[in-house]
């Protein structure tokens, strides 16, 4: 296979998965619209029951309708703003969230050299490096990492101890390629949005006070049921795109395939971390789709 054919095949697979998963992300915005609409509909229903006069105004008076539309748009704005606030806040608290400490390696350390070389090849600064030091949550021997990028383009790479101590050089190269590819293609931002928009009901319930939690919980549960079917599908598509893209950095398909076997499954991580945070991890996802996609590249 010539270099041009190889790269063309990679670009085609990446484009197809990016378009499909991008369209699915619109579904999550629709999910937030559903939540806002459900709550707004309850206000309308309450008006019909307790104040029939105001309900009649809402049906026939343009001024009342405009007020309702303004209320709806304000509620939608605050719901979206809240989701993006969670992104900003949790990036700054990432080390505490995942029990990570700074991992300062010397420039001549082989792992650091591999990371720096791949970042330079993509024109990226080396991300701040941390090691997850959380025996209560991180499964022993887990091969995984959390990749994060803030709104100001600063990035963080939180690796599990096994990535540094247990992987052979070829697998470390393939693993680093996964992290660098997430940053280079901005997929890290996609996964962050998936984490907060796709699991919007979870984050709202976490932040709400006791009264708001009781009031909003039924609407949030309905919204979550609407969002759930496509979340894992999107995750699989996007991770397969990254598997293929990482080959542009390493040019070594055998190491990429071996890495898929070595990565900790999402199901295992899900026993220790809430499902909402799983998109942030480099991990093995369900089914044979990723392997089939990698083999086609």
C-alpha atoms as a PDB file:
ATOM      1  CA  UNK A   1       0.000   0.000   0.000  1.00  0.00           C
ATOM      2  CA  UNK A   2       1.469   3.375  -1.031  1.00  0.00           C
ATOM      3  CA  UNK A   3       1.709   6.255   1.423  1.00  0.00           C
ATOM      4  CA  UNK A   4      -0.955   8.222  -0.478  1.00  0.00           C
ATOM      5  CA  UNK A   5      -3.396   5.301  -0.451  1.00  0.00           C
ATOM      6  CA  UNK A   6      -2.706   4.655   3.243  1.00  0.00           C
ATOM      7  CA  UNK A   7      -3.294   8.286   4.205  1.00  0.00           C
ATOM      8  CA  UNK A   8      -6.355   8.521   1.967  1.00  0.00           C
ATOM      9  CA  UNK A   9      -7.890   5.470   3.616  1.00  0.00           C
ATOM     10  CA  UNK A  10      -7.228   6.910   7.079  1.00  0.00           C
ATOM     11  CA  UNK A  11      -8.757  10.270   6.138  1.00  0.00           C
ATOM     12  CA  UNK A  12     -11.854   8.566   4.720  1.00  0.00           C
ATOM     13  CA  UNK A  13     -12.457   6.518   7.878  1.00  0.00           C
ATOM     14  CA  UNK A  14     -11.820   9.559  10.085  1.00  0.00           C
ATOM     15  CA  UNK A  15     -14.188  11.731   8.055  1.00  0.00           C
ATOM     16  CA  UNK A  16     -17.007   9.167   8.068  1.00  0.00           C
ATOM     17  CA  UNK A  17     -16.795   8.636  11.837  1.00  0.00           C
ATOM     18  CA  UNK A  18     -16.470  12.354  12.513  1.00  0.00           C
ATOM     19  CA  UNK A  19     -19.557  13.225  10.479  1.00  0.00           C
ATOM     20  CA  UNK A  20     -21.684  10.472  12.051  1.00  0.00           C
ATOM     21  CA  UNK A  21     -20.627  11.220  15.627  1.00  0.00           C
ATOM     22  CA  UNK A  22     -20.910  14.974  15.031  1.00  0.00           C
ATOM     23  CA  UNK A  23     -24.487  14.600  13.852  1.00  0.00           C
ATOM     24  CA  UNK A  24     -25.231  12.483  16.898  1.00  0.00           C
ATOM     25  CA  UNK A  25     -23.938  15.271  19.155  1.00  0.00           C
ATOM     26  CA  UNK A  26     -26.827  17.419  17.914  1.00  0.00           C
ATOM     27  CA  UNK A  27     -29.022  14.827  19.601  1.00  0.00           C
ATOM     28  CA  UNK A  28     -27.669  15.920  22.989  1.00  0.00           C
ATOM     29  CA  UNK A  29     -28.610  19.529  22.328  1.00  0.00           C
ATOM     30  CA  UNK A  30     -32.066  18.212  21.496  1.00  0.00           C
ATOM     31  CA  UNK A  31     -31.973  16.411  24.866  1.00  0.00           C
ATOM     32  CA  UNK A  32     -31.435  19.711  26.677  1.00  0.00           C
ATOM     33  CA  UNK A  33     -34.279  21.204  24.636  1.00  0.00           C
ATOM     34  CA  UNK A  34     -36.482  18.311  25.753  1.00  0.00           C
ATOM     35  CA  UNK A  35     -35.613  18.959  29.416  1.00  0.00           C
ATOM     36  CA  UNK A  36     -36.335  22.692  29.115  1.00  0.00           C
ATOM     37  CA  UNK A  37     -39.551  21.973  27.196  1.00  0.00           C
ATOM     38  CA  UNK A  38     -40.772  19.476  29.807  1.00  0.00           C
ATOM     39  CA  UNK A  39     -40.245  21.952  32.654  1.00  0.00           C
ATOM     40  CA  UNK A  40     -41.848  24.777  30.656  1.00  0.00           C
ATOM     41  CA  UNK A  41     -44.815  22.567  29.780  1.00  0.00           C
ATOM     42  CA  UNK A  42     -45.371  21.931  33.482  1.00  0.00           C
ATOM     43  CA  UNK A  43     -45.566  25.672  34.118  1.00  0.00           C
ATOM     44  CA  UNK A  44     -48.151  25.950  31.352  1.00  0.00           C
ATOM     45  CA  UNK A  45     -50.113  23.014  32.763  1.00  0.00           C
ATOM     46  CA  UNK A  46     -50.027  24.558  36.240  1.00  0.00           C
ATOM     47  CA  UNK A  47     -51.381  27.819  34.760  1.00  0.00           C
ATOM     48  CA  UNK A  48     -54.262  25.935  33.123  1.00  0.00           C
ATOM     49  CA  UNK A  49     -55.155  24.238  36.416  1.00  0.00           C
ATOM     50  CA  UNK A  50     -54.729  27.098  38.904  1.00  0.00           C
ATOM     51  CA  UNK A  51     -55.285  30.212  36.793  1.00  0.00           C
ATOM     52  CA  UNK A  52     -57.442  29.507  33.728  1.00  0.00           C
ATOM     53  CA  UNK A  53     -57.502  33.204  32.886  1.00  0.00           C
ATOM     54  CA  UNK A  54     -53.752  33.414  32.405  1.00  0.00           C
ATOM     55  CA  UNK A  55     -53.897  30.208  30.385  1.00  0.00           C
ATOM     56  CA  UNK A  56     -56.401  31.824  28.032  1.00  0.00           C
ATOM     57  CA  UNK A  57     -54.094  34.821  27.691  1.00  0.00           C
ATOM     58  CA  UNK A  58     -51.239  32.483  26.788  1.00  0.00           C
ATOM     59  CA  UNK A  59     -53.304  30.973  23.994  1.00  0.00           C
ATOM     60  CA  UNK A  60     -54.661  34.178  22.493  1.00  0.00           C
ATOM     61  CA  UNK A  61     -52.644  37.181  23.723  1.00  0.00           C
ATOM     62  CA  UNK A  62     -49.418  37.911  21.814  1.00  0.00           C
ATOM     63  CA  UNK A  63     -47.871  39.778  24.774  1.00  0.00           C
ATOM     64  CA  UNK A  64     -48.326  36.777  27.057  1.00  0.00           C
ATOM     65  CA  UNK A  65     -46.924  34.481  24.374  1.00  0.00           C
ATOM     66  CA  UNK A  66     -43.868  36.706  23.994  1.00  0.00           C
ATOM     67  CA  UNK A  67     -43.319  36.593  27.772  1.00  0.00           C
ATOM     68  CA  UNK A  68     -43.479  32.803  27.704  1.00  0.00           C
ATOM     69  CA  UNK A  69     -41.002  32.629  24.802  1.00  0.00           C
ATOM     70  CA  UNK A  70     -38.622  34.914  26.695  1.00  0.00           C
ATOM     71  CA  UNK A  71     -38.917  32.714  29.791  1.00  0.00           C
ATOM     72  CA  UNK A  72     -38.254  29.612  27.670  1.00  0.00           C
ATOM     73  CA  UNK A  73     -35.169  31.124  25.996  1.00  0.00           C
ATOM     74  CA  UNK A  74     -33.757  32.339  29.313  1.00  0.00           C
ATOM     75  CA  UNK A  75     -34.203  28.901  30.839  1.00  0.00           C
ATOM     76  CA  UNK A  76     -32.526  27.314  27.795  1.00  0.00           C
ATOM     77  CA  UNK A  77     -29.637  29.794  28.012  1.00  0.00           C
ATOM     78  CA  UNK A  78     -29.017  29.039  31.690  1.00  0.00           C
ATOM     79  CA  UNK A  79     -29.178  25.286  31.032  1.00  0.00           C
ATOM     80  CA  UNK A  80     -26.523  25.550  28.285  1.00  0.00           C
ATOM     81  CA  UNK A  81     -24.425  28.022  30.281  1.00  0.00           C
ATOM     82  CA  UNK A  82     -24.530  25.646  33.232  1.00  0.00           C
ATOM     83  CA  UNK A  83     -23.194  22.784  31.099  1.00  0.00           C
ATOM     84  CA  UNK A  84     -20.269  24.900  29.880  1.00  0.00           C
ATOM     85  CA  UNK A  85     -19.588  26.140  33.405  1.00  0.00           C
ATOM     86  CA  UNK A  86     -19.188  22.501  34.493  1.00  0.00           C
ATOM     87  CA  UNK A  87     -16.584  22.072  31.713  1.00  0.00           C
ATOM     88  CA  UNK A  88     -14.571  25.086  32.910  1.00  0.00           C
ATOM     89  CA  UNK A  89     -14.802  24.190  36.597  1.00  0.00           C
ATOM     90  CA  UNK A  90     -13.956  20.509  36.273  1.00  0.00           C
ATOM     91  CA  UNK A  91     -10.921  21.169  34.040  1.00  0.00           C
ATOM     92  CA  UNK A  92      -9.424  23.303  36.802  1.00  0.00           C
ATOM     93  CA  UNK A  93     -10.220  20.631  39.390  1.00  0.00           C
ATOM     94  CA  UNK A  94      -9.150  17.645  37.292  1.00  0.00           C
ATOM     95  CA  UNK A  95      -6.247  16.591  39.489  1.00  0.00           C
ATOM     96  CA  UNK A  96      -8.439  16.491  42.596  1.00  0.00           C
ATOM     97  CA  UNK A  97     -11.275  14.722  40.736  1.00  0.00           C
ATOM     98  CA  UNK A  98      -9.052  11.868  39.572  1.00  0.00           C
ATOM     99  CA  UNK A  99      -6.571  11.783  42.458  1.00  0.00           C
ATOM    100  CA  UNK A 100      -3.582  12.797  40.331  1.00  0.00           C
ATOM    101  CA  UNK A 101      -0.287  14.414  41.339  1.00  0.00           C
ATOM    102  CA  UNK A 102       2.274  16.223  39.148  1.00  0.00           C
ATOM    103  CA  UNK A 103       4.583  13.802  37.344  1.00  0.00           C
ATOM    104  CA  UNK A 104       7.786  15.668  36.589  1.00  0.00           C
ATOM    105  CA  UNK A 105      10.043  13.754  34.214  1.00  0.00           C
ATOM    106  CA  UNK A 106      13.488  14.831  33.066  1.00  0.00           C
ATOM    107  CA  UNK A 107      13.882  15.773  29.384  1.00  0.00           C
ATOM    108  CA  UNK A 108      16.039  12.657  28.818  1.00  0.00           C
ATOM    109  CA  UNK A 109      13.373  10.297  30.192  1.00  0.00           C
ATOM    110  CA  UNK A 110      12.292   7.932  27.338  1.00  0.00           C
ATOM    111  CA  UNK A 111       8.575   8.391  28.033  1.00  0.00           C
ATOM    112  CA  UNK A 112       8.904  12.177  28.060  1.00  0.00           C
ATOM    113  CA  UNK A 113      10.972  12.091  24.871  1.00  0.00           C
ATOM    114  CA  UNK A 114       8.287  10.041  23.088  1.00  0.00           C
ATOM    115  CA  UNK A 115       5.592  12.459  24.269  1.00  0.00           C
ATOM    116  CA  UNK A 116       7.615  15.533  23.311  1.00  0.00           C
ATOM    117  CA  UNK A 117       8.545  14.154  19.873  1.00  0.00           C
ATOM    118  CA  UNK A 118       4.936  13.374  18.964  1.00  0.00           C
ATOM    119  CA  UNK A 119       3.736  16.761  20.230  1.00  0.00           C
ATOM    120  CA  UNK A 120       6.391  18.554  18.180  1.00  0.00           C
ATOM    121  CA  UNK A 121       5.386  16.568  15.083  1.00  0.00           C
ATOM    122  CA  UNK A 122       1.856  17.953  15.476  1.00  0.00           C
ATOM    123  CA  UNK A 123       2.921  21.464  16.458  1.00  0.00           C
ATOM    124  CA  UNK A 124       1.573  21.068  20.002  1.00  0.00           C
ATOM    125  CA  UNK A 125       3.009  22.097  23.368  1.00  0.00           C
ATOM    126  CA  UNK A 126       3.690  19.206  25.726  1.00  0.00           C
ATOM    127  CA  UNK A 127       0.675  18.822  28.056  1.00  0.00           C
ATOM    128  CA  UNK A 128       1.105  19.148  31.808  1.00  0.00           C
ATOM    129  CA  UNK A 129       1.805  15.601  32.957  1.00  0.00           C
ATOM    130  CA  UNK A 130       0.230  13.971  36.025  1.00  0.00           C
ATOM    131  CA  UNK A 131       0.129  10.453  37.415  1.00  0.00           C
ATOM    132  CA  UNK A 132      -3.078   9.099  38.968  1.00  0.00           C
ATOM    133  CA  UNK A 133      -2.238   8.200  42.542  1.00  0.00           C
ATOM    134  CA  UNK A 134      -5.615   6.946  43.727  1.00  0.00           C
ATOM    135  CA  UNK A 135      -5.545   3.339  44.884  1.00  0.00           C
ATOM    136  CA  UNK A 136      -9.186   3.529  46.026  1.00  0.00           C
ATOM    137  CA  UNK A 137     -10.541   4.216  42.531  1.00  0.00           C
ATOM    138  CA  UNK A 138      -7.922   3.369  39.905  1.00  0.00           C
ATOM    139  CA  UNK A 139      -7.935  -0.443  39.368  1.00  0.00           C
ATOM    140  CA  UNK A 140      -4.493  -2.011  39.976  1.00  0.00           C
ATOM    141  CA  UNK A 141      -2.569  -2.429  36.736  1.00  0.00           C
ATOM    142  CA  UNK A 142      -5.091  -0.357  34.755  1.00  0.00           C
ATOM    143  CA  UNK A 143      -3.718   0.940  31.457  1.00  0.00           C
ATOM    144  CA  UNK A 144      -5.533   4.214  30.910  1.00  0.00           C
ATOM    145  CA  UNK A 145      -5.245   8.000  31.034  1.00  0.00           C
ATOM    146  CA  UNK A 146      -7.406  11.100  31.170  1.00  0.00           C
ATOM    147  CA  UNK A 147      -6.783  13.740  28.507  1.00  0.00           C
ATOM    148  CA  UNK A 148      -8.125  17.253  29.093  1.00  0.00           C
ATOM    149  CA  UNK A 149      -7.952  20.584  27.327  1.00  0.00           C
ATOM    150  CA  UNK A 150      -9.196  23.860  28.782  1.00  0.00           C
ATOM    151  CA  UNK A 151     -10.964  26.687  26.996  1.00  0.00           C
ATOM    152  CA  UNK A 152      -7.655  28.597  26.878  1.00  0.00           C
ATOM    153  CA  UNK A 153      -6.029  25.608  25.043  1.00  0.00           C
ATOM    154  CA  UNK A 154      -3.958  24.493  28.029  1.00  0.00           C
ATOM    155  CA  UNK A 155      -3.866  20.696  28.190  1.00  0.00           C
ATOM    156  CA  UNK A 156      -3.350  17.995  30.816  1.00  0.00           C
ATOM    157  CA  UNK A 157      -2.453  14.313  30.553  1.00  0.00           C
ATOM    158  CA  UNK A 158      -3.207  12.203  33.641  1.00  0.00           C
ATOM    159  CA  UNK A 159      -1.731   8.714  33.204  1.00  0.00           C
ATOM    160  CA  UNK A 160      -2.191   5.595  35.312  1.00  0.00           C
ATOM    161  CA  UNK A 161       1.019   4.162  36.847  1.00  0.00           C
ATOM    162  CA  UNK A 162       0.843   1.092  34.561  1.00  0.00           C
ATOM    163  CA  UNK A 163       1.220   3.247  31.441  1.00  0.00           C
ATOM    164  CA  UNK A 164       4.652   4.384  32.602  1.00  0.00           C
ATOM    165  CA  UNK A 165       5.876   1.310  34.446  1.00  0.00           C
ATOM    166  CA  UNK A 166       4.374  -1.683  32.585  1.00  0.00           C
ATOM    167  CA  UNK A 167       3.985  -0.905  28.891  1.00  0.00           C
ATOM    168  CA  UNK A 168       6.849  -1.781  26.570  1.00  0.00           C
ATOM    169  CA  UNK A 169       8.304   1.055  24.422  1.00  0.00           C
ATOM    170  CA  UNK A 170       6.198   0.220  21.342  1.00  0.00           C
ATOM    171  CA  UNK A 171       2.958   0.204  23.341  1.00  0.00           C
ATOM    172  CA  UNK A 172       3.954   3.426  25.093  1.00  0.00           C
ATOM    173  CA  UNK A 173       4.472   4.959  21.649  1.00  0.00           C
ATOM    174  CA  UNK A 174       1.019   3.800  20.531  1.00  0.00           C
ATOM    175  CA  UNK A 175      -0.569   5.005  23.784  1.00  0.00           C
ATOM    176  CA  UNK A 176       1.023   8.458  23.552  1.00  0.00           C
ATOM    177  CA  UNK A 177      -0.178   8.671  19.948  1.00  0.00           C
ATOM    178  CA  UNK A 178      -3.754   8.231  21.217  1.00  0.00           C
ATOM    179  CA  UNK A 179      -3.329  11.149  23.647  1.00  0.00           C
ATOM    180  CA  UNK A 180      -1.584  13.444  21.159  1.00  0.00           C
ATOM    181  CA  UNK A 181      -4.150  12.655  18.466  1.00  0.00           C
ATOM    182  CA  UNK A 182      -6.970  13.678  20.825  1.00  0.00           C
ATOM    183  CA  UNK A 183      -5.305  17.044  21.350  1.00  0.00           C
ATOM    184  CA  UNK A 184      -4.334  17.572  17.707  1.00  0.00           C
ATOM    185  CA  UNK A 185      -7.779  16.844  16.256  1.00  0.00           C
ATOM    186  CA  UNK A 186      -9.590  18.645  19.133  1.00  0.00           C
ATOM    187  CA  UNK A 187     -11.358  15.363  19.919  1.00  0.00           C
ATOM    188  CA  UNK A 188     -10.488  16.030  23.542  1.00  0.00           C
ATOM    189  CA  UNK A 189     -12.933  18.958  23.383  1.00  0.00           C
ATOM    190  CA  UNK A 190     -15.506  16.698  21.710  1.00  0.00           C
ATOM    191  CA  UNK A 191     -15.188  14.140  24.525  1.00  0.00           C
ATOM    192  CA  UNK A 192     -15.443  16.906  27.125  1.00  0.00           C
ATOM    193  CA  UNK A 193     -18.664  18.154  25.544  1.00  0.00           C
ATOM    194  CA  UNK A 194     -19.922  14.562  25.410  1.00  0.00           C
ATOM    195  CA  UNK A 195     -19.102  14.225  29.105  1.00  0.00           C
ATOM    196  CA  UNK A 196     -21.155  17.300  30.034  1.00  0.00           C
ATOM    197  CA  UNK A 197     -23.840  17.594  27.361  1.00  0.00           C
ATOM    198  CA  UNK A 198     -24.411  13.858  26.952  1.00  0.00           C
ATOM    199  CA  UNK A 199     -24.702  13.443  30.722  1.00  0.00           C
ATOM    200  CA  UNK A 200     -26.348  16.781  31.401  1.00  0.00           C
ATOM    201  CA  UNK A 201     -28.988  15.284  33.786  1.00  0.00           C
ATOM    202  CA  UNK A 202     -26.295  13.758  36.025  1.00  0.00           C
ATOM    203  CA  UNK A 203     -24.393  17.044  36.377  1.00  0.00           C
ATOM    204  CA  UNK A 204     -27.545  19.051  37.094  1.00  0.00           C
ATOM    205  CA  UNK A 205     -28.566  16.620  39.851  1.00  0.00           C
ATOM    206  CA  UNK A 206     -25.050  16.794  41.314  1.00  0.00           C
ATOM    207  CA  UNK A 207     -25.134  20.580  41.517  1.00  0.00           C
ATOM    208  CA  UNK A 208     -28.800  21.159  42.444  1.00  0.00           C
ATOM    209  CA  UNK A 209     -29.863  21.841  46.011  1.00  0.00           C
ATOM    210  CA  UNK A 210     -32.234  19.441  47.785  1.00  0.00           C
ATOM    211  CA  UNK A 211     -35.419  21.230  46.695  1.00  0.00           C
ATOM    212  CA  UNK A 212     -34.372  21.641  43.054  1.00  0.00           C
ATOM    213  CA  UNK A 213     -33.248  18.005  42.965  1.00  0.00           C
ATOM    214  CA  UNK A 214     -36.724  16.839  43.962  1.00  0.00           C
ATOM    215  CA  UNK A 215     -38.470  19.212  41.531  1.00  0.00           C
ATOM    216  CA  UNK A 216     -36.276  18.526  38.492  1.00  0.00           C
ATOM    217  CA  UNK A 217     -35.458  14.835  38.996  1.00  0.00           C
ATOM    218  CA  UNK A 218     -38.459  13.389  37.053  1.00  0.00           C
ATOM    219  CA  UNK A 219     -37.729  15.645  34.061  1.00  0.00           C
ATOM    220  CA  UNK A 220     -34.019  14.852  34.198  1.00  0.00           C
ATOM    221  CA  UNK A 221     -34.683  11.108  34.344  1.00  0.00           C
ATOM    222  CA  UNK A 222     -36.857  11.325  31.214  1.00  0.00           C
ATOM    223  CA  UNK A 223     -34.166  13.382  29.460  1.00  0.00           C
ATOM    224  CA  UNK A 224     -31.465  10.889  30.462  1.00  0.00           C
ATOM    225  CA  UNK A 225     -33.527   8.000  29.083  1.00  0.00           C
ATOM    226  CA  UNK A 226     -33.730   9.865  25.767  1.00  0.00           C
ATOM    227  CA  UNK A 227     -29.949  10.473  25.660  1.00  0.00           C
ATOM    228  CA  UNK A 228     -28.739   7.067  26.852  1.00  0.00           C
ATOM    229  CA  UNK A 229     -29.123   4.966  23.656  1.00  0.00           C
ATOM    230  CA  UNK A 230     -26.661   6.992  21.574  1.00  0.00           C
ATOM    231  CA  UNK A 231     -23.954   7.848  24.115  1.00  0.00           C
ATOM    232  CA  UNK A 232     -21.941   4.625  23.854  1.00  0.00           C
ATOM    233  CA  UNK A 233     -22.427   4.501  20.090  1.00  0.00           C
ATOM    234  CA  UNK A 234     -20.875   7.954  19.744  1.00  0.00           C
ATOM    235  CA  UNK A 235     -18.018   6.994  22.063  1.00  0.00           C
ATOM    236  CA  UNK A 236     -17.201   3.919  19.992  1.00  0.00           C
ATOM    237  CA  UNK A 237     -17.261   5.848  16.706  1.00  0.00           C
ATOM    238  CA  UNK A 238     -15.014   8.607  17.977  1.00  0.00           C
ATOM    239  CA  UNK A 239     -12.512   6.269  19.631  1.00  0.00           C
ATOM    240  CA  UNK A 240     -12.254   4.260  16.412  1.00  0.00           C
ATOM    241  CA  UNK A 241     -11.496   7.501  14.578  1.00  0.00           C
ATOM    242  CA  UNK A 242      -8.647   8.174  17.016  1.00  0.00           C
ATOM    243  CA  UNK A 243      -7.268   4.631  16.713  1.00  0.00           C
ATOM    244  CA  UNK A 244      -6.947   5.122  12.978  1.00  0.00           C
ATOM    245  CA  UNK A 245      -5.565   8.653  13.279  1.00  0.00           C
ATOM    246  CA  UNK A 246      -2.849   7.536  15.699  1.00  0.00           C
ATOM    247  CA  UNK A 247      -1.366   5.402  12.902  1.00  0.00           C
ATOM    248  CA  UNK A 248      -0.289   8.622  11.175  1.00  0.00           C
ATOM    249  CA  UNK A 249       2.047   9.197  14.128  1.00  0.00           C
ATOM    250  CA  UNK A 250       3.406   5.692  14.731  1.00  0.00           C
ATOM    251  CA  UNK A 251       2.985   3.997  11.299  1.00  0.00           C
ATOM    252  CA  UNK A 252       2.706   0.758  13.306  1.00  0.00           C
ATOM    253  CA  UNK A 253      -0.632  -1.039  13.096  1.00  0.00           C
ATOM    254  CA  UNK A 254       0.511  -4.077  15.083  1.00  0.00           C
ATOM    255  CA  UNK A 255       1.272  -1.947  18.166  1.00  0.00           C
ATOM    256  CA  UNK A 256      -2.079  -0.161  17.809  1.00  0.00           C
ATOM    257  CA  UNK A 257      -3.881  -3.516  17.737  1.00  0.00           C
ATOM    258  CA  UNK A 258      -1.899  -4.806  20.728  1.00  0.00           C
ATOM    259  CA  UNK A 259      -2.704  -1.609  22.607  1.00  0.00           C
ATOM    260  CA  UNK A 260      -6.431  -2.225  22.201  1.00  0.00           C
ATOM    261  CA  UNK A 261      -5.985  -5.513  24.069  1.00  0.00           C
ATOM    262  CA  UNK A 262      -3.858  -3.860  26.750  1.00  0.00           C
ATOM    263  CA  UNK A 263      -6.215  -0.945  27.456  1.00  0.00           C
ATOM    264  CA  UNK A 264      -8.504  -1.222  30.470  1.00  0.00           C
ATOM    265  CA  UNK A 265     -12.169  -1.714  29.440  1.00  0.00           C
ATOM    266  CA  UNK A 266     -14.614   1.112  30.035  1.00  0.00           C
ATOM    267  CA  UNK A 267     -16.766  -1.340  32.019  1.00  0.00           C
ATOM    268  CA  UNK A 268     -13.934  -1.824  34.532  1.00  0.00           C
ATOM    269  CA  UNK A 269     -13.387   1.918  34.893  1.00  0.00           C
ATOM    270  CA  UNK A 270     -17.156   2.329  35.234  1.00  0.00           C
ATOM    271  CA  UNK A 271     -17.010   0.340  38.467  1.00  0.00           C
ATOM    272  CA  UNK A 272     -14.858   3.091  39.989  1.00  0.00           C
ATOM    273  CA  UNK A 273     -15.874   6.280  38.161  1.00  0.00           C
ATOM    274  CA  UNK A 274     -19.312   7.546  37.193  1.00  0.00           C
ATOM    275  CA  UNK A 275     -20.278   6.793  33.602  1.00  0.00           C
ATOM    276  CA  UNK A 276     -20.389  10.535  32.841  1.00  0.00           C
ATOM    277  CA  UNK A 277     -16.587  10.782  33.116  1.00  0.00           C
ATOM    278  CA  UNK A 278     -15.719   7.722  31.008  1.00  0.00           C
ATOM    279  CA  UNK A 279     -15.451   9.691  27.703  1.00  0.00           C
ATOM    280  CA  UNK A 280     -12.404  11.463  29.164  1.00  0.00           C
ATOM    281  CA  UNK A 281     -10.447   8.192  29.460  1.00  0.00           C
ATOM    282  CA  UNK A 282      -8.297   6.419  26.903  1.00  0.00           C
ATOM    283  CA  UNK A 283      -9.791   2.945  27.272  1.00  0.00           C
ATOM    284  CA  UNK A 284     -11.173  -0.107  25.477  1.00  0.00           C
ATOM    285  CA  UNK A 285     -14.811   0.226  24.423  1.00  0.00           C
ATOM    286  CA  UNK A 286     -17.481  -2.362  23.572  1.00  0.00           C
ATOM    287  CA  UNK A 287     -17.529  -4.788  20.694  1.00  0.00           C
ATOM    288  CA  UNK A 288     -15.267  -5.489  17.705  1.00  0.00           C
ATOM    289  CA  UNK A 289     -15.994  -2.230  15.825  1.00  0.00           C
ATOM    290  CA  UNK A 290     -12.751  -0.484  16.761  1.00  0.00           C
ATOM    291  CA  UNK A 291     -10.624  -3.466  15.806  1.00  0.00           C
ATOM    292  CA  UNK A 292     -12.422  -3.876  12.455  1.00  0.00           C
ATOM    293  CA  UNK A 293     -11.953  -0.174  11.734  1.00  0.00           C
ATOM    294  CA  UNK A 294      -8.270  -0.335  12.603  1.00  0.00           C
ATOM    295  CA  UNK A 295      -7.768  -3.360  10.375  1.00  0.00           C
ATOM    296  CA  UNK A 296      -9.375  -1.512   7.434  1.00  0.00           C
ATOM    297  CA  UNK A 297      -6.890   1.377   7.738  1.00  0.00           C
END
